[in-house]
Amino acid sequence: MAVTNTTVLAGTSTFIFDIAATADGDVTTGNVAHGLGAIPLDISGVQILSQAIGALSAWAVTTVDITNVVCTKLATAGSGNAAKQYRVRVSLPHSIVK
């Protein structure tokens, strides 16, 4: 019964991590340090585990600040799974788009 956050990429301008929540009641990642030194402006998340609509974990990025990312999910029955469920990507803008 835990949420596991697995770093995929810890770059200087981009941080990517995967989330798995083994129990239905595991509903937050807690603080995940992104290490970018500024508030990321490019934030995206994608479900990477196919789940039945009635058991959807429905992860969402709920807080992003200068040091951390926090995601939360629903506590829907069946939403817990030991497999990776959600991938989050936060980035600082490239100088070309500033």
PDB file of N, CA and C in Angstrom:
ATOM      1  N   MET A   1       0.826  -1.166   0.000  1.00  0.00           N
ATOM      2  CA  MET A   1       0.000   0.000   0.000  1.00  0.00           C
ATOM      3  C   MET A   1       0.882   1.246   0.000  1.00  0.00           C
ATOM      4  N   ALA A   2       1.157   1.708  -1.193  1.00  0.00           N
ATOM      5  CA  ALA A   2       2.031   2.873  -1.287  1.00  0.00           C
ATOM      6  C   ALA A   2       1.936   3.489  -2.663  1.00  0.00           C
ATOM      7  N   VAL A   3       2.384   4.721  -2.734  1.00  0.00           N
ATOM      8  CA  VAL A   3       2.543   5.391  -4.016  1.00  0.00           C
ATOM      9  C   VAL A   3       4.028   5.377  -4.326  1.00  0.00           C
ATOM     10  N   THR A   4       4.372   4.938  -5.515  1.00  0.00           N
ATOM     11  CA  THR A   4       5.764   4.915  -5.946  1.00  0.00           C
ATOM     12  C   THR A   4       5.952   5.912  -7.070  1.00  0.00           C
ATOM     13  N   ASN A   5       6.907   6.810  -6.890  1.00  0.00           N
ATOM     14  CA  ASN A   5       7.268   7.786  -7.904  1.00  0.00           C
ATOM     15  C   ASN A   5       8.631   7.383  -8.458  1.00  0.00           C
ATOM     16  N   THR A   6       8.695   7.134  -9.760  1.00  0.00           N
ATOM     17  CA  THR A   6       9.931   6.685 -10.386  1.00  0.00           C
ATOM     18  C   THR A   6      10.412   7.741 -11.374  1.00  0.00           C
ATOM     19  N   THR A   7      11.603   8.270 -11.142  1.00  0.00           N
ATOM     20  CA  THR A   7      12.161   9.279 -12.041  1.00  0.00           C
ATOM     21  C   THR A   7      12.538   8.642 -13.369  1.00  0.00           C
ATOM     22  N   VAL A   8      12.080   9.251 -14.455  1.00  0.00           N
ATOM     23  CA  VAL A   8      12.406   8.808 -15.813  1.00  0.00           C
ATOM     24  C   VAL A   8      13.520   9.689 -16.370  1.00  0.00           C
ATOM     25  N   LEU A   9      13.438  11.005 -16.120  1.00  0.00           N
ATOM     26  CA  LEU A   9      14.448  11.956 -16.586  1.00  0.00           C
ATOM     27  C   LEU A   9      14.559  13.086 -15.582  1.00  0.00           C
ATOM     28  N   ALA A  10      15.778  13.351 -15.137  1.00  0.00           N
ATOM     29  CA  ALA A  10      16.045  14.484 -14.262  1.00  0.00           C
ATOM     30  C   ALA A  10      17.056  15.371 -14.976  1.00  0.00           C
ATOM     31  N   GLY A  11      16.559  16.204 -15.881  1.00  0.00           N
ATOM     32  CA  GLY A  11      17.427  17.077 -16.658  1.00  0.00           C
ATOM     33  C   GLY A  11      17.542  18.457 -16.054  1.00  0.00           C
ATOM     34  N   THR A  12      18.232  19.347 -16.759  1.00  0.00           N
ATOM     35  CA  THR A  12      18.401  20.709 -16.268  1.00  0.00           C
ATOM     36  C   THR A  12      17.186  21.585 -16.541  1.00  0.00           C
ATOM     37  N   SER A  13      16.366  21.204 -17.536  1.00  0.00           N
ATOM     38  CA  SER A  13      15.172  22.000 -17.836  1.00  0.00           C
ATOM     39  C   SER A  13      13.898  21.161 -17.911  1.00  0.00           C
ATOM     40  N   THR A  14      14.025  19.843 -17.770  1.00  0.00           N
ATOM     41  CA  THR A  14      12.859  18.948 -17.824  1.00  0.00           C
ATOM     42  C   THR A  14      12.986  17.858 -16.763  1.00  0.00           C
ATOM     43  N   PHE A  15      11.862  17.559 -16.114  1.00  0.00           N
ATOM     44  CA  PHE A  15      11.792  16.467 -15.137  1.00  0.00           C
ATOM     45  C   PHE A  15      10.583  15.614 -15.487  1.00  0.00           C
ATOM     46  N   ILE A  16      10.787  14.307 -15.601  1.00  0.00           N
ATOM     47  CA  ILE A  16       9.706  13.366 -15.936  1.00  0.00           C
ATOM     48  C   ILE A  16       9.708  12.249 -14.897  1.00  0.00           C
ATOM     49  N   PHE A  17       8.502  11.906 -14.417  1.00  0.00           N
ATOM     50  CA  PHE A  17       8.403  10.775 -13.491  1.00  0.00           C
ATOM     51  C   PHE A  17       7.112  10.004 -13.714  1.00  0.00           C
ATOM     52  N   ASP A  18       7.151   8.724 -13.327  1.00  0.00           N
ATOM     53  CA  ASP A  18       5.992   7.830 -13.403  1.00  0.00           C
ATOM     54  C   ASP A  18       5.444   7.598 -12.005  1.00  0.00           C
ATOM     55  N   ILE A  19       4.125   7.341 -11.940  1.00  0.00           N
ATOM     56  CA  ILE A  19       3.454   7.112 -10.666  1.00  0.00           C
ATOM     57  C   ILE A  19       2.737   5.763 -10.695  1.00  0.00           C
ATOM     58  N   ALA A  20       2.844   5.029  -9.599  1.00  0.00           N
ATOM     59  CA  ALA A  20       2.048   3.818  -9.384  1.00  0.00           C
ATOM     60  C   ALA A  20       1.482   3.891  -7.973  1.00  0.00           C
ATOM     61  N   ALA A  21       0.198   3.608  -7.828  1.00  0.00           N
ATOM     62  CA  ALA A  21      -0.456   3.582  -6.515  1.00  0.00           C
ATOM     63  C   ALA A  21      -1.052   2.198  -6.337  1.00  0.00           C
ATOM     64  N   THR A  22      -0.537   1.436  -5.386  1.00  0.00           N
ATOM     65  CA  THR A  22      -0.946   0.039  -5.261  1.00  0.00           C
ATOM     66  C   THR A  22      -2.316  -0.163  -4.626  1.00  0.00           C
ATOM     67  N   ALA A  23      -2.776   0.789  -3.830  1.00  0.00           N
ATOM     68  CA  ALA A  23      -4.073   0.638  -3.162  1.00  0.00           C
ATOM     69  C   ALA A  23      -5.037   1.732  -3.611  1.00  0.00           C
ATOM     70  N   ASP A  24      -6.316   1.440  -3.563  1.00  0.00           N
ATOM     71  CA  ASP A  24      -7.331   2.417  -3.942  1.00  0.00           C
ATOM     72  C   ASP A  24      -7.223   3.687  -3.096  1.00  0.00           C
ATOM     73  N   GLY A  25      -6.894   3.543  -1.830  1.00  0.00           N
ATOM     74  CA  GLY A  25      -6.819   4.670  -0.916  1.00  0.00           C
ATOM     75  C   GLY A  25      -5.545   5.488  -1.016  1.00  0.00           C
ATOM     76  N   ASP A  26      -4.583   5.046  -1.813  1.00  0.00           N
ATOM     77  CA  ASP A  26      -3.357   5.823  -2.036  1.00  0.00           C
ATOM     78  C   ASP A  26      -3.692   6.923  -3.030  1.00  0.00           C
ATOM     79  N   VAL A  27      -3.858   8.150  -2.556  1.00  0.00           N
ATOM     80  CA  VAL A  27      -4.408   9.199  -3.410  1.00  0.00           C
ATOM     81  C   VAL A  27      -3.481  10.377  -3.691  1.00  0.00           C
ATOM     82  N   THR A  28      -2.264  10.380  -3.161  1.00  0.00           N
ATOM     83  CA  THR A  28      -1.354  11.491  -3.444  1.00  0.00           C
ATOM     84  C   THR A  28       0.079  11.007  -3.581  1.00  0.00           C
ATOM     85  N   THR A  29       0.828  11.716  -4.416  1.00  0.00           N
ATOM     86  CA  THR A  29       2.248  11.407  -4.584  1.00  0.00           C
ATOM     87  C   THR A  29       3.076  11.993  -3.458  1.00  0.00           C
ATOM     88  N   GLY A  30       2.488  12.920  -2.701  1.00  0.00           N
ATOM     89  CA  GLY A  30       3.301  13.695  -1.785  1.00  0.00           C
ATOM     90  C   GLY A  30       4.160  14.639  -2.621  1.00  0.00           C
ATOM     91  N   ASN A  31       5.131  15.271  -2.003  1.00  0.00           N
ATOM     92  CA  ASN A  31       6.006  16.182  -2.732  1.00  0.00           C
ATOM     93  C   ASN A  31       7.030  15.398  -3.540  1.00  0.00           C
ATOM     94  N   VAL A  32       7.092  15.668  -4.833  1.00  0.00           N
ATOM     95  CA  VAL A  32       8.104  15.077  -5.709  1.00  0.00           C
ATOM     96  C   VAL A  32       9.009  16.228  -6.149  1.00  0.00           C
ATOM     97  N   ALA A  33      10.262  16.208  -5.698  1.00  0.00           N
ATOM     98  CA  ALA A  33      11.194  17.296  -6.010  1.00  0.00           C
ATOM     99  C   ALA A  33      11.610  17.226  -7.474  1.00  0.00           C
ATOM    100  N   HIS A  34      11.388  18.330  -8.213  1.00  0.00           N
ATOM    101  CA  HIS A  34      11.740  18.339  -9.637  1.00  0.00           C
ATOM    102  C   HIS A  34      13.151  18.856  -9.902  1.00  0.00           C
ATOM    103  N   GLY A  35      13.734  19.615  -8.991  1.00  0.00           N
ATOM    104  CA  GLY A  35      15.117  20.051  -9.109  1.00  0.00           C
ATOM    105  C   GLY A  35      15.412  21.057 -10.215  1.00  0.00           C
ATOM    106  N   LEU A  36      14.410  21.762 -10.718  1.00  0.00           N
ATOM    107  CA  LEU A  36      14.618  22.677 -11.842  1.00  0.00           C
ATOM    108  C   LEU A  36      15.010  24.086 -11.402  1.00  0.00           C
ATOM    109  N   GLY A  37      14.840  24.428 -10.132  1.00  0.00           N
ATOM    110  CA  GLY A  37      15.265  25.720  -9.632  1.00  0.00           C
ATOM    111  C   GLY A  37      14.352  26.883  -9.974  1.00  0.00           C
ATOM    112  N   ALA A  38      13.230  26.609 -10.602  1.00  0.00           N
ATOM    113  CA  ALA A  38      12.231  27.632 -10.939  1.00  0.00           C
ATOM    114  C   ALA A  38      10.888  26.918 -11.077  1.00  0.00           C
ATOM    115  N   ILE A  39       9.820  27.690 -11.149  1.00  0.00           N
ATOM    116  CA  ILE A  39       8.496  27.089 -11.312  1.00  0.00           C
ATOM    117  C   ILE A  39       8.333  26.651 -12.768  1.00  0.00           C
ATOM    118  N   PRO A  40       8.132  25.360 -13.017  1.00  0.00           N
ATOM    119  CA  PRO A  40       7.931  24.902 -14.395  1.00  0.00           C
ATOM    120  C   PRO A  40       6.658  25.510 -14.981  1.00  0.00           C
ATOM    121  N   LEU A  41       6.727  25.917 -16.236  1.00  0.00           N
ATOM    122  CA  LEU A  41       5.565  26.502 -16.906  1.00  0.00           C
ATOM    123  C   LEU A  41       4.904  25.526 -17.869  1.00  0.00           C
ATOM    124  N   ASP A  42       5.638  24.504 -18.276  1.00  0.00           N
ATOM    125  CA  ASP A  42       5.104  23.475 -19.179  1.00  0.00           C
ATOM    126  C   ASP A  42       4.842  22.233 -18.344  1.00  0.00           C
ATOM    127  N   ILE A  43       3.567  21.909 -18.133  1.00  0.00           N
ATOM    128  CA  ILE A  43       3.169  20.810 -17.246  1.00  0.00           C
ATOM    129  C   ILE A  43       2.210  19.899 -17.993  1.00  0.00           C
ATOM    130  N   SER A  44       2.523  18.614 -18.025  1.00  0.00           N
ATOM    131  CA  SER A  44       1.602  17.680 -18.672  1.00  0.00           C
ATOM    132  C   SER A  44       1.644  16.337 -17.966  1.00  0.00           C
ATOM    133  N   GLY A  45       0.537  15.625 -18.089  1.00  0.00           N
ATOM    134  CA  GLY A  45       0.445  14.284 -17.532  1.00  0.00           C
ATOM    135  C   GLY A  45      -0.371  13.420 -18.461  1.00  0.00           C
ATOM    136  N   VAL A  46      -0.036  12.139 -18.520  1.00  0.00           N
ATOM    137  CA  VAL A  46      -0.760  11.224 -19.391  1.00  0.00           C
ATOM    138  C   VAL A  46      -0.936   9.876 -18.687  1.00  0.00           C
ATOM    139  N   GLN A  47      -2.124   9.340 -18.794  1.00  0.00           N
ATOM    140  CA  GLN A  47      -2.398   8.015 -18.247  1.00  0.00           C
ATOM    141  C   GLN A  47      -1.664   6.990 -19.101  1.00  0.00           C
ATOM    142  N   ILE A  48      -0.894   6.098 -18.475  1.00  0.00           N
ATOM    143  CA  ILE A  48      -0.151   5.091 -19.223  1.00  0.00           C
ATOM    144  C   ILE A  48      -0.611   3.670 -18.909  1.00  0.00           C
ATOM    145  N   LEU A  49      -1.658   3.550 -18.107  1.00  0.00           N
ATOM    146  CA  LEU A  49      -2.237   2.242 -17.790  1.00  0.00           C
ATOM    147  C   LEU A  49      -3.706   2.259 -18.178  1.00  0.00           C
ATOM    148  N   SER A  50      -4.118   1.306 -18.967  1.00  0.00           N
ATOM    149  CA  SER A  50      -5.517   1.198 -19.341  1.00  0.00           C
ATOM    150  C   SER A  50      -6.308   0.650 -18.155  1.00  0.00           C
ATOM    151  N   GLN A  51      -7.328   1.389 -17.734  1.00  0.00           N
ATOM    152  CA  GLN A  51      -8.161   0.972 -16.615  1.00  0.00           C
ATOM    153  C   GLN A  51      -9.628   1.040 -17.036  1.00  0.00           C
ATOM    154  N   ALA A  52     -10.435   0.188 -16.436  1.00  0.00           N
ATOM    155  CA  ALA A  52     -11.870   0.238 -16.690  1.00  0.00           C
ATOM    156  C   ALA A  52     -12.401   1.589 -16.231  1.00  0.00           C
ATOM    157  N   ILE A  53     -13.368   2.123 -16.935  1.00  0.00           N
ATOM    158  CA  ILE A  53     -13.895   3.457 -16.621  1.00  0.00           C
ATOM    159  C   ILE A  53     -14.388   3.535 -15.180  1.00  0.00           C
ATOM    160  N   GLY A  54     -14.948   2.465 -14.657  1.00  0.00           N
ATOM    161  CA  GLY A  54     -15.441   2.447 -13.281  1.00  0.00           C
ATOM    162  C   GLY A  54     -14.343   2.342 -12.239  1.00  0.00           C
ATOM    163  N   ALA A  55     -13.121   2.057 -12.668  1.00  0.00           N
ATOM    164  CA  ALA A  55     -11.994   1.916 -11.746  1.00  0.00           C
ATOM    165  C   ALA A  55     -10.865   2.885 -12.084  1.00  0.00           C
ATOM    166  N   LEU A  56     -11.193   3.932 -12.806  1.00  0.00           N
ATOM    167  CA  LEU A  56     -10.186   4.879 -13.272  1.00  0.00           C
ATOM    168  C   LEU A  56      -9.539   5.628 -12.105  1.00  0.00           C
ATOM    169  N   SER A  57      -8.222   5.687 -12.111  1.00  0.00           N
ATOM    170  CA  SER A  57      -7.516   6.408 -11.050  1.00  0.00           C
ATOM    171  C   SER A  57      -7.615   7.924 -11.240  1.00  0.00           C
ATOM    172  N   ALA A  58      -7.701   8.391 -12.471  1.00  0.00           N
ATOM    173  CA  ALA A  58      -7.883   9.814 -12.793  1.00  0.00           C
ATOM    174  C   ALA A  58      -6.850  10.707 -12.116  1.00  0.00           C
ATOM    175  N   TRP A  59      -5.583  10.388 -12.279  1.00  0.00           N
ATOM    176  CA  TRP A  59      -4.505  11.216 -11.748  1.00  0.00           C
ATOM    177  C   TRP A  59      -4.570  12.622 -12.334  1.00  0.00           C
ATOM    178  N   ALA A  60      -4.173  13.604 -11.548  1.00  0.00           N
ATOM    179  CA  ALA A  60      -4.076  14.987 -11.996  1.00  0.00           C
ATOM    180  C   ALA A  60      -2.922  15.667 -11.275  1.00  0.00           C
ATOM    181  N   VAL A  61      -2.230  16.552 -11.967  1.00  0.00           N
ATOM    182  CA  VAL A  61      -1.212  17.378 -11.339  1.00  0.00           C
ATOM    183  C   VAL A  61      -1.961  18.478 -10.597  1.00  0.00           C
ATOM    184  N   THR A  62      -1.797  18.540  -9.270  1.00  0.00           N
ATOM    185  CA  THR A  62      -2.580  19.478  -8.474  1.00  0.00           C
ATOM    186  C   THR A  62      -1.776  20.654  -7.935  1.00  0.00           C
ATOM    187  N   THR A  63      -0.475  20.491  -7.771  1.00  0.00           N
ATOM    188  CA  THR A  63       0.366  21.575  -7.276  1.00  0.00           C
ATOM    189  C   THR A  63       1.730  21.520  -7.947  1.00  0.00           C
ATOM    190  N   VAL A  64       2.205  22.667  -8.397  1.00  0.00           N
ATOM    191  CA  VAL A  64       3.566  22.789  -8.923  1.00  0.00           C
ATOM    192  C   VAL A  64       4.134  24.072  -8.350  1.00  0.00           C
ATOM    193  N   ASP A  65       5.296  23.969  -7.711  1.00  0.00           N
ATOM    194  CA  ASP A  65       5.936  25.173  -7.202  1.00  0.00           C
ATOM    195  C   ASP A  65       7.419  25.148  -7.549  1.00  0.00           C
ATOM    196  N   ILE A  66       8.197  26.004  -6.931  1.00  0.00           N
ATOM    197  CA  ILE A  66       9.605  26.152  -7.293  1.00  0.00           C
ATOM    198  C   ILE A  66      10.437  24.900  -6.990  1.00  0.00           C
ATOM    199  N   THR A  67       9.940  24.026  -6.109  1.00  0.00           N
ATOM    200  CA  THR A  67      10.706  22.821  -5.771  1.00  0.00           C
ATOM    201  C   THR A  67       9.973  21.509  -6.011  1.00  0.00           C
ATOM    202  N   ASN A  68       8.650  21.492  -5.960  1.00  0.00           N
ATOM    203  CA  ASN A  68       7.915  20.230  -5.967  1.00  0.00           C
ATOM    204  C   ASN A  68       6.750  20.179  -6.943  1.00  0.00           C
ATOM    205  N   VAL A  69       6.379  18.928  -7.244  1.00  0.00           N
ATOM    206  CA  VAL A  69       5.161  18.613  -7.987  1.00  0.00           C
ATOM    207  C   VAL A  69       4.341  17.692  -7.082  1.00  0.00           C
ATOM    208  N   VAL A  70       3.036  17.914  -7.018  1.00  0.00           N
ATOM    209  CA  VAL A  70       2.153  17.021  -6.269  1.00  0.00           C
ATOM    210  C   VAL A  70       1.022  16.603  -7.200  1.00  0.00           C
ATOM    211  N   CYS A  71       0.726  15.305  -7.223  1.00  0.00           N
ATOM    212  CA  CYS A  71      -0.383  14.774  -8.016  1.00  0.00           C
ATOM    213  C   CYS A  71      -1.341  14.056  -7.083  1.00  0.00           C
ATOM    214  N   THR A  72      -2.627  14.050  -7.447  1.00  0.00           N
ATOM    215  CA  THR A  72      -3.621  13.321  -6.678  1.00  0.00           C
ATOM    216  C   THR A  72      -4.473  12.476  -7.620  1.00  0.00           C
ATOM    217  N   LYS A  73      -5.103  11.454  -7.064  1.00  0.00           N
ATOM    218  CA  LYS A  73      -5.984  10.589  -7.834  1.00  0.00           C
ATOM    219  C   LYS A  73      -7.263  10.333  -7.062  1.00  0.00           C
ATOM    220  N   LEU A  74      -8.216   9.733  -7.725  1.00  0.00           N
ATOM    221  CA  LEU A  74      -9.451   9.315  -7.067  1.00  0.00           C
ATOM    222  C   LEU A  74      -9.197   8.056  -6.249  1.00  0.00           C
ATOM    223  N   ALA A  75     -10.028   7.819  -5.249  1.00  0.00           N
ATOM    224  CA  ALA A  75      -9.934   6.609  -4.437  1.00  0.00           C
ATOM    225  C   ALA A  75     -10.958   5.578  -4.904  1.00  0.00           C
ATOM    226  N   THR A  76     -11.289   5.611  -6.184  1.00  0.00           N
ATOM    227  CA  THR A  76     -12.284   4.725  -6.770  1.00  0.00           C
ATOM    228  C   THR A  76     -11.912   3.255  -6.539  1.00  0.00           C
ATOM    229  N   ALA A  77     -12.909   2.423  -6.237  1.00  0.00           N
ATOM    230  CA  ALA A  77     -12.658   0.987  -6.061  1.00  0.00           C
ATOM    231  C   ALA A  77     -12.045   0.420  -7.333  1.00  0.00           C
ATOM    232  N   GLY A  78     -10.909  -0.245  -7.184  1.00  0.00           N
ATOM    233  CA  GLY A  78     -10.220  -0.833  -8.323  1.00  0.00           C
ATOM    234  C   GLY A  78      -9.164   0.066  -8.945  1.00  0.00           C
ATOM    235  N   SER A  79      -9.011   1.293  -8.421  1.00  0.00           N
ATOM    236  CA  SER A  79      -8.054   2.227  -9.018  1.00  0.00           C
ATOM    237  C   SER A  79      -6.609   1.949  -8.631  1.00  0.00           C
ATOM    238  N   GLY A  80      -6.399   1.203  -7.570  1.00  0.00           N
ATOM    239  CA  GLY A  80      -5.037   0.836  -7.180  1.00  0.00           C
ATOM    240  C   GLY A  80      -4.487  -0.246  -8.096  1.00  0.00           C
ATOM    241  N   ASN A  81      -3.207  -0.127  -8.417  1.00  0.00           N
ATOM    242  CA  ASN A  81      -2.559  -1.095  -9.292  1.00  0.00           C
ATOM    243  C   ASN A  81      -1.060  -0.943  -9.122  1.00  0.00           C
ATOM    244  N   ALA A  82      -0.335  -2.042  -9.072  1.00  0.00           N
ATOM    245  CA  ALA A  82       1.117  -1.975  -8.888  1.00  0.00           C
ATOM    246  C   ALA A  82       1.848  -1.509 -10.140  1.00  0.00           C
ATOM    247  N   ALA A  83       1.176  -1.512 -11.284  1.00  0.00           N
ATOM    248  CA  ALA A  83       1.800  -1.059 -12.531  1.00  0.00           C
ATOM    249  C   ALA A  83       1.838   0.466 -12.583  1.00  0.00           C
ATOM    250  N   LYS A  84       2.740   0.995 -13.401  1.00  0.00           N
ATOM    251  CA  LYS A  84       2.792   2.445 -13.597  1.00  0.00           C
ATOM    252  C   LYS A  84       1.470   2.904 -14.177  1.00  0.00           C
ATOM    253  N   GLN A  85       0.916   3.968 -13.604  1.00  0.00           N
ATOM    254  CA  GLN A  85      -0.403   4.450 -14.001  1.00  0.00           C
ATOM    255  C   GLN A  85      -0.373   5.783 -14.743  1.00  0.00           C
ATOM    256  N   TYR A  86       0.581   6.640 -14.407  1.00  0.00           N
ATOM    257  CA  TYR A  86       0.541   8.017 -14.899  1.00  0.00           C
ATOM    258  C   TYR A  86       1.967   8.520 -15.082  1.00  0.00           C
ATOM    259  N   ARG A  87       2.209   9.276 -16.150  1.00  0.00           N
ATOM    260  CA  ARG A  87       3.514   9.903 -16.388  1.00  0.00           C
ATOM    261  C   ARG A  87       3.341  11.411 -16.374  1.00  0.00           C
ATOM    262  N   VAL A  88       4.221  12.086 -15.635  1.00  0.00           N
ATOM    263  CA  VAL A  88       4.182  13.540 -15.497  1.00  0.00           C
ATOM    264  C   VAL A  88       5.461  14.127 -16.077  1.00  0.00           C
ATOM    265  N   ARG A  89       5.293  15.228 -16.814  1.00  0.00           N
ATOM    266  CA  ARG A  89       6.430  15.946 -17.394  1.00  0.00           C
ATOM    267  C   ARG A  89       6.279  17.418 -17.041  1.00  0.00           C
ATOM    268  N   VAL A  90       7.304  17.982 -16.399  1.00  0.00           N
ATOM    269  CA  VAL A  90       7.338  19.409 -16.123  1.00  0.00           C
ATOM    270  C   VAL A  90       8.620  19.973 -16.724  1.00  0.00           C
ATOM    271  N   SER A  91       8.504  21.152 -17.333  1.00  0.00           N
ATOM    272  CA  SER A  91       9.663  21.749 -17.999  1.00  0.00           C
ATOM    273  C   SER A  91       9.685  23.253 -17.821  1.00  0.00           C
ATOM    274  N   LEU A  92      10.889  23.768 -17.889  1.00  0.00           N
ATOM    275  CA  LEU A  92      11.078  25.207 -17.983  1.00  0.00           C
ATOM    276  C   LEU A  92      10.987  25.564 -19.460  1.00  0.00           C
ATOM    277  N   PRO A  93      10.513  26.757 -19.785  1.00  0.00           N
ATOM    278  CA  PRO A  93      10.419  27.115 -21.187  1.00  0.00           C
ATOM    279  C   PRO A  93      11.798  27.276 -21.822  1.00  0.00           C
ATOM    280  N   HIS A  94      11.934  26.879 -23.057  1.00  0.00           N
ATOM    281  CA  HIS A  94      13.168  27.069 -23.816  1.00  0.00           C
ATOM    282  C   HIS A  94      13.292  28.554 -24.139  1.00  0.00           C
ATOM    283  N   SER A  95      14.493  29.026 -24.309  1.00  0.00           N
ATOM    284  CA  SER A  95      14.710  30.460 -24.583  1.00  0.00           C
ATOM    285  C   SER A  95      14.020  30.911 -25.862  1.00  0.00           C
ATOM    286  N   ILE A  96      13.775  29.993 -26.784  1.00  0.00           N
ATOM    287  CA  ILE A  96      13.129  30.350 -28.043  1.00  0.00           C
ATOM    288  C   ILE A  96      11.657  30.739 -27.852  1.00  0.00           C
ATOM    289  N   VAL A  97      11.045  30.292 -26.740  1.00  0.00           N
ATOM    290  CA  VAL A  97       9.627  30.618 -26.506  1.00  0.00           C
ATOM    291  C   VAL A  97       9.423  31.645 -25.405  1.00  0.00           C
ATOM    292  N   LYS A  98      10.479  32.162 -24.832  1.00  0.00           N
ATOM    293  CA  LYS A  98      10.358  33.179 -23.784  1.00  0.00           C
ATOM    294  C   LYS A  98       9.982  34.518 -24.359  1.00  0.00           C
TER     295      LYS A  98
END
